[in-house]
Protein backbone atom coordinates (compact mmCIF):
# COMPACT_ATOMS: atom_id res chain seq x y z
CA MET A 1 36.66 219.02 -9.14
CA LYS A 2 39.57 217.03 -7.54
CA ARG A 3 41.99 215.73 -9.99
CA VAL A 4 42.10 212.13 -10.84
CA VAL A 5 45.51 210.25 -11.83
CA ILE A 6 46.63 207.04 -12.57
CA THR A 7 49.48 205.57 -10.24
CA GLY A 8 49.21 201.87 -10.70
CA MET A 9 48.69 199.76 -13.94
CA GLY A 10 47.89 195.57 -13.98
CA VAL A 11 47.00 193.20 -16.75
CA ILE A 12 46.41 189.52 -17.71
CA SER A 13 45.67 188.99 -21.50
CA PRO A 14 46.18 186.73 -24.41
CA VAL A 15 49.27 188.83 -25.52
CA GLY A 16 51.63 189.04 -22.27
CA ASN A 17 50.60 188.66 -18.47
CA ASP A 18 51.60 192.05 -17.30
CA VAL A 19 51.54 195.93 -19.01
CA ASP A 20 55.32 195.72 -20.31
CA SER A 21 55.15 192.14 -22.21
CA MET A 22 51.38 193.40 -23.32
CA TRP A 23 52.83 196.61 -24.20
CA GLU A 24 55.47 194.84 -26.59
CA SER A 25 53.26 192.60 -28.20
CA LEU A 26 50.94 195.32 -29.66
CA MET A 27 54.03 197.42 -30.90
CA ALA A 28 55.09 194.41 -32.65
CA GLY A 29 51.65 193.94 -33.86
CA LYS A 30 51.90 190.53 -32.42
CA HIS A 31 48.26 188.70 -31.51
CA GLY A 32 47.45 186.11 -29.39
CA ILE A 33 44.77 184.48 -31.34
CA ALA A 34 44.96 180.41 -31.67
CA PRO A 35 42.67 177.15 -32.12
CA ILE A 36 40.83 177.07 -28.68
CA THR A 37 42.54 174.49 -26.40
CA ARG A 38 40.45 174.76 -23.40
CA PHE A 39 37.80 172.18 -24.75
CA ASP A 40 36.92 169.34 -27.38
CA ILE A 41 35.79 172.01 -30.34
CA THR A 42 34.50 169.35 -32.85
CA GLU A 43 31.11 170.01 -32.81
CA PHE A 44 31.86 174.09 -32.13
CA LYS A 45 31.30 176.25 -35.52
CA THR A 46 34.22 178.69 -34.19
CA LYS A 47 37.64 177.45 -33.64
CA LEU A 48 39.78 180.04 -32.24
CA ALA A 49 39.55 182.46 -29.52
CA ALA A 50 42.35 184.79 -27.76
CA GLU A 51 43.41 182.86 -24.76
CA VAL A 52 45.18 183.80 -21.79
CA LYS A 53 48.71 181.48 -22.15
CA ASP A 54 51.10 180.56 -19.00
CA PHE A 55 49.18 181.89 -16.10
CA ASP A 56 50.02 180.82 -12.85
CA PRO A 57 47.69 181.86 -10.03
CA LEU A 58 49.96 180.49 -7.29
CA GLN A 59 52.09 184.24 -8.33
CA TYR A 60 49.46 185.96 -6.83
CA MET A 61 46.99 183.94 -4.24
CA GLU A 62 47.52 180.91 -2.46
CA LYS A 63 46.63 177.21 -3.03
CA ASN A 64 43.21 177.31 -1.40
CA GLU A 65 42.04 180.45 -2.57
CA VAL A 66 42.72 179.32 -5.75
CA ARG A 67 40.73 176.48 -5.16
CA ARG A 68 37.57 178.35 -4.16
CA SER A 69 37.96 180.99 -6.75
CA ASP A 70 36.27 181.35 -10.28
CA LEU A 71 39.53 181.92 -13.23
CA TYR A 72 37.72 185.56 -13.94
CA CYS A 73 38.35 186.38 -10.21
CA GLN A 74 42.08 184.91 -10.55
CA TYR A 75 42.40 187.02 -13.55
CA ALA A 76 41.15 190.33 -11.31
CA TYR A 77 43.08 189.02 -8.36
CA ALA A 78 46.49 189.23 -10.15
CA ALA A 79 45.53 192.26 -12.34
CA ALA A 80 44.76 194.40 -8.97
CA CYS A 81 48.06 192.88 -7.56
CA GLN A 82 50.33 194.41 -10.40
CA ALA A 83 48.37 197.49 -9.82
CA MET A 84 49.32 197.47 -6.66
CA TYR A 85 52.76 196.77 -6.80
CA ASP A 86 53.48 199.04 -9.51
CA SER A 87 51.66 202.05 -7.26
CA LYS A 88 53.27 201.58 -3.77
CA LEU A 89 50.42 202.42 -2.39
CA GLU A 90 49.81 199.90 0.46
CA GLY A 91 50.14 201.12 4.06
CA LYS A 92 49.48 205.03 2.37
CA VAL A 93 45.70 205.33 2.07
CA GLU A 94 43.39 205.73 4.91
CA PRO A 95 40.87 202.26 4.76
CA GLU A 96 37.95 204.32 4.98
CA ARG A 97 39.06 206.58 2.04
CA PHE A 98 40.27 203.32 -0.13
CA GLY A 99 37.94 201.46 -2.56
CA VAL A 100 37.51 198.97 -5.20
CA TYR A 101 35.15 199.65 -8.07
CA LEU A 102 35.41 196.33 -10.33
CA GLY A 103 33.34 194.32 -12.68
CA SER A 104 33.04 191.41 -15.03
CA GLY A 105 30.32 191.27 -17.64
CA ILE A 106 29.63 187.44 -17.17
CA GLY A 107 30.98 186.58 -13.77
CA GLY A 108 31.82 183.00 -12.80
CA ILE A 109 30.99 181.09 -15.98
CA ASP A 110 33.17 178.65 -15.36
CA SER A 111 32.03 177.89 -12.08
CA LEU A 112 28.24 177.91 -13.39
CA THR A 113 29.57 175.43 -15.91
CA ARG A 114 31.59 173.07 -13.75
CA GLU A 115 29.16 172.63 -11.09
CA HIS A 116 26.11 172.27 -13.21
CA GLU A 117 27.84 169.15 -14.89
CA LYS A 118 28.55 168.04 -11.14
CA LEU A 119 24.72 168.97 -10.66
CA LEU A 120 23.80 166.80 -13.72
CA SER A 121 26.06 163.76 -13.01
CA ALA A 122 26.46 163.10 -9.48
CA GLY A 123 23.67 164.67 -7.89
CA PRO A 124 23.10 168.08 -5.53
CA ARG A 125 25.31 166.73 -3.20
CA LYS A 126 28.46 166.75 -5.15
CA VAL A 127 28.23 170.69 -5.96
CA SER A 128 30.84 173.21 -4.28
CA PRO A 129 30.05 174.61 -0.81
CA TYR A 130 32.04 177.48 -2.67
CA PHE A 131 29.96 177.83 -6.23
CA ILE A 132 27.99 180.77 -5.52
CA PRO A 133 30.92 182.97 -3.81
CA MET A 134 32.63 181.33 -7.11
CA MET A 135 29.82 182.61 -9.55
CA ILE A 136 28.65 186.08 -8.39
CA SER A 137 30.32 188.66 -10.66
CA ASN A 138 31.40 190.85 -7.01
CA ILE A 139 33.97 188.43 -5.53
CA ALA A 140 36.51 189.65 -7.33
CA ALA A 141 35.84 193.01 -5.90
CA GLY A 142 35.18 191.63 -2.56
CA ASN A 143 38.27 189.64 -2.64
CA ILE A 144 40.40 192.42 -4.00
CA ALA A 145 39.03 194.76 -1.08
CA ILE A 146 39.93 192.30 1.55
CA ARG A 147 43.44 191.61 0.08
CA TYR A 148 44.23 195.10 0.61
CA GLY A 149 41.98 196.20 3.40
CA ALA A 150 40.00 199.28 1.49
CA LYS A 151 36.70 199.77 3.38
CA GLY A 152 35.56 202.97 1.30
CA PRO A 153 33.32 202.46 -1.54
CA CYS A 154 33.11 198.69 -3.10
CA MET A 155 31.15 197.70 -6.02
CA ALA A 156 31.05 195.21 -9.18
CA VAL A 157 30.12 197.26 -12.06
CA VAL A 158 28.25 195.29 -14.74
CA THR A 159 27.78 197.20 -18.17
CA ALA A 160 28.70 193.57 -20.18
CA CYS A 161 31.63 195.00 -22.98
CA ALA A 162 31.16 198.50 -21.20
CA THR A 163 32.18 196.86 -17.71
CA GLY A 164 35.74 197.51 -17.38
CA SER A 165 35.58 201.57 -18.71
CA THR A 166 32.80 202.43 -16.57
CA ALA A 167 34.31 200.87 -13.48
CA ILE A 168 36.84 203.43 -14.37
CA GLY A 169 34.64 205.95 -14.99
CA GLU A 170 32.85 206.14 -11.45
CA SER A 171 36.17 205.49 -9.90
CA VAL A 172 36.98 208.87 -11.69
CA ARG A 173 34.20 210.41 -9.94
CA ALA A 174 34.01 209.07 -6.63
CA ILE A 175 37.54 210.75 -6.35
CA ARG A 176 36.44 213.68 -8.05
CA HIS A 177 33.95 214.16 -5.41
CA GLY A 178 35.72 213.58 -2.32
CA TYR A 179 34.36 209.86 -1.79
CA ALA A 180 37.67 208.02 -1.74
CA ASP A 181 41.12 209.17 -1.85
CA ALA A 182 42.28 206.05 -4.01
CA MET A 183 40.26 203.19 -6.20
CA ILE A 184 41.84 199.60 -7.49
CA THR A 185 39.53 200.16 -10.63
CA GLY A 186 38.79 197.23 -13.99
CA GLY A 187 37.21 194.67 -15.52
CA ALA A 188 38.15 191.04 -16.10
CA GLU A 189 36.48 188.04 -17.87
CA ALA A 190 36.77 184.46 -18.60
CA ALA A 191 34.17 183.01 -20.76
CA ILE A 192 36.47 180.77 -23.23
CA ASN A 193 34.12 177.40 -22.12
CA PRO A 194 31.97 175.58 -23.84
CA LEU A 195 28.65 177.28 -22.66
CA GLY A 196 29.81 180.73 -23.08
CA MET A 197 31.13 179.77 -26.81
CA ALA A 198 28.25 178.22 -27.80
CA GLY A 199 26.10 181.32 -26.69
CA PHE A 200 28.01 183.64 -27.89
CA ILE A 201 27.95 181.13 -31.47
CA ASN A 202 24.17 180.89 -31.98
CA MET A 203 23.72 184.76 -31.56
CA MET A 204 26.02 185.09 -34.45
CA ALA A 205 28.66 186.98 -32.66
CA LEU A 206 31.69 185.29 -33.11
CA SER A 207 34.30 185.16 -36.22
CA THR A 208 33.86 181.65 -37.67
CA ALA A 209 37.26 182.23 -39.36
CA GLU A 210 39.89 179.24 -39.21
CA ASP A 211 42.99 181.45 -40.03
CA PRO A 212 44.25 183.24 -37.27
CA ASP A 213 45.64 186.18 -38.93
CA ALA A 214 42.29 186.76 -40.68
CA ALA A 215 40.14 186.29 -37.87
CA SER A 216 39.93 189.58 -35.77
CA LEU A 217 39.41 192.34 -38.75
CA PRO A 218 38.26 195.10 -37.41
CA PHE A 219 36.83 197.86 -39.78
CA ASP A 220 37.98 195.41 -42.60
CA SER A 221 35.38 194.44 -45.21
CA ARG A 222 36.49 190.72 -44.65
CA ARG A 223 35.19 191.22 -41.12
CA ALA A 224 32.86 188.68 -39.75
CA GLY A 225 32.37 188.50 -36.09
CA PHE A 226 34.51 189.09 -33.07
CA VAL A 227 37.11 186.57 -31.74
CA MET A 228 36.75 185.87 -27.79
CA GLY A 229 39.47 187.10 -25.42
CA GLU A 230 40.22 187.03 -22.11
CA GLY A 231 41.35 188.62 -19.20
CA ALA A 232 42.02 191.78 -16.68
CA GLY A 233 43.14 195.35 -16.42
CA VAL A 234 43.47 197.30 -13.47
CA MET A 235 44.26 200.35 -12.85
CA VAL A 236 45.20 202.17 -9.25
CA LEU A 237 43.68 205.89 -9.24
CA GLU A 238 44.55 208.30 -6.74
CA GLU A 239 43.55 211.76 -6.10
CA TYR A 240 46.54 213.95 -7.79
CA GLU A 241 47.59 215.81 -4.57
CA HIS A 242 47.42 212.44 -2.41
CA ALA A 243 49.77 211.06 -5.00
CA VAL A 244 52.30 213.50 -5.22
CA SER A 245 52.41 213.96 -1.55
CA ARG A 246 53.47 210.65 -1.11
CA GLY A 247 56.02 211.29 -3.58
CA ALA A 248 53.88 208.57 -6.79
CA VAL A 249 54.68 207.76 -10.05
CA ILE A 250 52.09 209.48 -12.23
CA TYR A 251 51.78 207.51 -15.63
CA GLY A 252 48.49 209.96 -16.66
CA GLU A 253 45.16 211.81 -15.66
CA ILE A 254 41.79 210.83 -16.50
CA VAL A 255 40.32 213.99 -17.52
CA GLY A 256 36.56 213.26 -19.17
CA TYR A 257 34.30 210.31 -18.59
CA GLY A 258 31.17 209.81 -20.74
CA SER A 259 28.74 207.69 -20.02
CA THR A 260 25.28 207.21 -21.86
CA CYS A 261 22.78 204.72 -23.40
CA ASP A 262 21.13 203.55 -26.78
CA ALA A 263 18.09 202.57 -25.66
CA TYR A 264 17.25 201.21 -29.01
CA HIS A 265 18.13 197.29 -28.75
CA MET A 266 19.04 194.53 -26.99
CA THR A 267 22.71 193.51 -28.41
CA SER A 268 22.57 195.65 -31.91
CA PRO A 269 23.83 199.19 -31.75
CA ASP A 270 22.17 202.23 -32.98
CA PRO A 271 23.37 202.58 -36.57
CA GLU A 272 23.57 206.30 -36.15
CA GLY A 273 26.01 206.28 -33.24
CA ALA A 274 24.05 208.64 -31.62
CA SER A 275 24.34 208.12 -28.31
CA SER A 276 27.75 207.37 -28.03
CA SER A 277 29.03 209.95 -30.28
CA ARG A 278 27.15 211.40 -26.84
CA ALA A 279 29.75 209.79 -24.72
CA ILE A 280 32.81 210.49 -26.73
CA ALA A 281 31.41 214.24 -26.96
CA ASP A 282 30.83 213.94 -23.36
CA ALA A 283 34.24 212.89 -22.66
CA LEU A 284 35.57 215.49 -24.69
CA ARG A 285 34.14 218.55 -22.99
CA GLU A 286 35.40 217.46 -19.78
CA ALA A 287 39.16 217.11 -21.11
CA ASP A 288 38.72 220.54 -22.59
CA TYR A 289 39.86 219.14 -26.17
CA GLN A 290 41.00 221.57 -28.34
CA VAL A 291 39.72 221.22 -32.56
CA ASN A 292 42.78 219.80 -34.37
CA GLU A 293 44.38 218.74 -31.44
CA ALA A 294 46.34 215.20 -32.12
CA VAL A 295 44.55 212.79 -30.70
CA TYR A 296 44.44 208.47 -30.36
CA VAL A 297 40.75 206.81 -30.07
CA ASN A 298 41.29 203.86 -29.02
CA ALA A 299 38.11 202.07 -30.63
CA HIS A 300 35.63 199.48 -28.92
CA GLY A 301 36.28 197.91 -32.34
CA THR A 302 35.39 194.45 -32.61
CA GLY A 303 35.34 193.26 -35.82
CA THR A 304 31.44 193.21 -36.56
CA ALA A 305 29.51 194.46 -39.22
CA LEU A 306 27.21 196.89 -37.28
CA ASN A 307 29.81 197.51 -34.57
CA ASP A 308 32.71 199.11 -36.69
CA THR A 309 30.32 201.52 -39.38
CA SER A 310 28.34 202.69 -36.57
CA GLU A 311 31.25 203.38 -34.21
CA THR A 312 33.17 205.39 -37.41
CA GLU A 313 29.95 207.39 -37.44
CA ALA A 314 29.61 207.97 -33.61
CA ILE A 315 33.66 209.06 -33.85
CA LYS A 316 32.97 211.57 -36.47
CA ARG A 317 29.86 212.97 -34.35
CA GLY A 318 32.24 213.23 -31.27
CA PHE A 319 34.20 214.94 -32.86
CA SER A 320 32.19 217.28 -34.77
CA ASN A 321 32.95 215.53 -38.26
CA GLN A 322 37.03 217.21 -37.36
CA THR A 323 38.62 214.09 -37.51
CA GLY A 324 41.81 215.32 -39.09
CA ALA A 325 44.28 215.13 -36.46
CA VAL A 326 42.42 211.46 -34.88
CA ALA A 327 44.07 208.01 -35.11
CA VAL A 328 42.03 205.63 -34.23
CA SER A 329 42.81 201.78 -33.75
CA SER A 330 41.27 198.54 -32.60
CA THR A 331 43.64 196.48 -30.02
CA LYS A 332 40.75 193.69 -30.53
CA SER A 333 42.52 193.12 -33.91
CA MET A 334 45.67 191.33 -31.39
CA THR A 335 43.47 190.94 -27.93
CA GLY A 336 40.32 189.51 -29.07
CA HIS A 337 37.42 190.64 -27.31
CA MET A 338 38.44 190.63 -23.60
CA LEU A 339 34.25 191.30 -22.69
CA GLY A 340 34.43 193.04 -19.17
CA ALA A 341 37.96 193.12 -18.97
CA ALA A 342 38.42 195.00 -22.54
CA GLY A 343 38.06 198.61 -21.27
CA ALA A 344 40.09 198.44 -18.69
CA VAL A 345 42.61 196.96 -20.37
CA GLU A 346 42.34 199.59 -23.52
CA ALA A 347 42.55 202.33 -20.74
CA ILE A 348 45.75 200.87 -20.03
CA ILE A 349 46.88 201.03 -23.54
CA CYS A 350 45.52 204.40 -23.84
CA ALA A 351 47.93 205.58 -20.73
CA LYS A 352 51.27 203.61 -22.47
CA THR A 353 50.24 205.37 -25.78
CA LEU A 354 50.62 208.97 -24.17
CA MET A 355 53.62 208.03 -22.07
CA THR A 356 55.23 206.33 -25.15
CA GLY A 357 54.31 208.76 -28.01
CA MET A 358 53.83 205.26 -30.08
CA VAL A 359 49.87 204.51 -31.59
CA PRO A 360 49.30 200.84 -31.20
CA PRO A 361 48.01 199.32 -35.14
CA THR A 362 44.68 197.51 -35.97
CA ILE A 363 46.75 194.77 -37.68
CA GLY A 364 45.19 192.65 -40.60
CA LEU A 365 43.40 195.59 -42.00
CA LEU A 366 44.20 195.16 -45.36
CA GLU A 367 40.98 195.80 -47.18
CA GLN A 368 39.21 198.84 -44.96
CA ASP A 369 35.34 199.13 -45.63
CA PRO A 370 34.49 202.30 -47.46
CA LYS A 371 32.28 203.12 -44.94
CA CYS A 372 35.03 202.94 -42.26
CA ASP A 373 36.74 205.97 -43.69
CA LEU A 374 39.01 207.27 -40.39
CA ASP A 375 42.65 206.97 -39.97
CA TYR A 376 42.56 203.47 -38.39
CA VAL A 377 46.36 203.14 -38.49
CA PRO A 378 46.80 199.78 -40.45
CA LEU A 379 49.15 197.12 -39.69
CA LYS A 380 51.92 198.84 -37.83
CA ALA A 381 52.41 201.14 -34.71
CA ARG A 382 53.36 204.50 -35.83
CA LYS A 383 54.93 207.58 -33.33
CA ASP A 384 52.34 209.88 -33.18
CA ASP A 385 52.60 212.04 -30.00
CA PRO A 386 48.85 212.63 -29.11
CA SER A 387 48.53 214.76 -26.23
CA LEU A 388 44.70 213.52 -25.71
CA ALA A 389 43.55 209.65 -25.60
CA LEU A 390 39.96 208.14 -26.02
CA SER A 391 38.97 204.90 -25.31
CA VAL A 392 35.56 204.06 -26.15
CA SER A 393 33.87 200.85 -24.97
CA LEU A 394 30.12 199.52 -26.18
CA GLY A 395 27.79 196.85 -24.30
CA PHE A 396 25.09 195.05 -25.40
CA GLY A 397 22.19 196.64 -23.67
CA GLY A 398 23.38 200.05 -25.52
CA HIS A 399 25.99 200.85 -22.62
CA ASN A 400 28.55 203.59 -24.24
CA THR A 401 31.42 204.56 -22.26
CA CYS A 402 33.94 206.79 -23.09
CA LEU A 403 37.75 207.63 -21.20
CA ALA A 404 39.69 210.15 -22.02
CA LEU A 405 43.21 210.55 -20.77
CA ARG A 406 46.43 212.99 -21.07
CA LYS A 407 49.51 213.17 -20.22
CA ILE A 408 51.20 214.94 -16.79
CA ASN A 409 53.38 217.92 -17.70
CA GLN A 410 57.00 216.61 -17.15
CA GLU A 411 56.92 218.73 -14.06
CA GLU A 412 54.15 217.32 -12.72
CA SER A 413 55.30 214.03 -13.27
CA LEU A 414 57.55 212.71 -10.26
CA GLN A 415 59.02 209.58 -12.23
C-alpha cells in the first residue's frame, strides 16, 4: 500500500493558537483551564472550562465569512489555513486528487443556540438565512474544500469524541488505496455555551471542581469528570512519493489505524476494554510494532471514573500486557476535552513527540489510582525518544480509534 506522511499541521487550542505555542505550553505543563467567560455561570454546577483565548478569525477569513460561520467552523478554517501554509502544498496537487475529511462531534451548537433564542424571542422571520449552513457539521469540510479547490473526496466524519482521529484514519485509507494524493483532515469543536454545558453537566460527565489546578485529573484517584475544551486540529497528509517529488518537509508517517466499536452502551465504555484494545492491537500490527520498542501513547484520558480504568485495561490488552517500554500520558490534563477536535490535536502532539523525543506530561497526577497502573509521565515532560507513538480516542456510542505514527528516517526527511 502507498505510504502516508504528514506535511502540514495547524492548531487552535486552549493552550495556544498554533502548533509551536501549544507545544511550548505542554512542555511547560501549562493548562488552559479557567472560569468560564462566555456566559453567566451563576446557575451552572460547572464553573470551569478550557476556552480558546485571543482567537481572531479575521486573521484567516473575511468579515462576511466570519458573520456567516459558526465558531467551530472558524476554528477548523483557521487550523486548516495554518496546516496548508505549513505544507506549501497549495497549487502543487491536482484538484481532483485532493480531498478533505474533517468533522465535528457536535457541529454548530453556538448557531443553534443563538438562532433558537431569536425564534423564541422575536419570531421565525428573525432566524438567520444562514442558520442551516452555519449549524451543519459538514460545512467546515465544505468551506475548506472551497478555499483550496479540493475536488476529490470530501466528507464530514462524526464519531463523537473520536471524530478527529477517525477523520485522519479514513484519510490515511483514502491515500493508501489510491483515492487521493493529499488530504486536509482533522476535527473541530466549539460547545462551551449554555446549552452544550448544561447537557454535559446533567449527564454528570463534567468536573464540578472550582480549582483550575485540580479540575482535569486523568488517572488520579480524585478525578470526577472531564473539563470541557474547544478548538481544532488539522493535518495535511500526503502520499509519500508525492511529498518527496515536490520537496516537502515531512514531519512523520502514519503507519497504523485501528477502528472498532464497543457495541456496549450509549455513553459508557466497556469496562473490560475488549474492542478498544482491539483498535490498539490493529494499529500496532499495521505499524509493525516490535515488543519492547519504545512507545508513547497519548491516551484518551478524560479524567472520568469509567474511562481511565477501562482505557488502562485496553492499553494493557492491546500490548498483550507487555507495557514495560510504554509511556502514557493524557494531555487533556492541560487542554481539557476538545471533543471532536481532541483526536486530531492529540495526533499532532504525537507527531511533535516523535520529532523532539519529548513526552508531554499528565499534570495534576498526585494521587495515582491503583487501578490505573501504567507509567503516565506525571507532572513533568521527559525525554524518552520513542520510535512509535499512538493516539487513542474513544467516543460516545462506543467508537474506538487508534492512530500509530512513526518518525521518518533522517535520510528520508527533506527537512
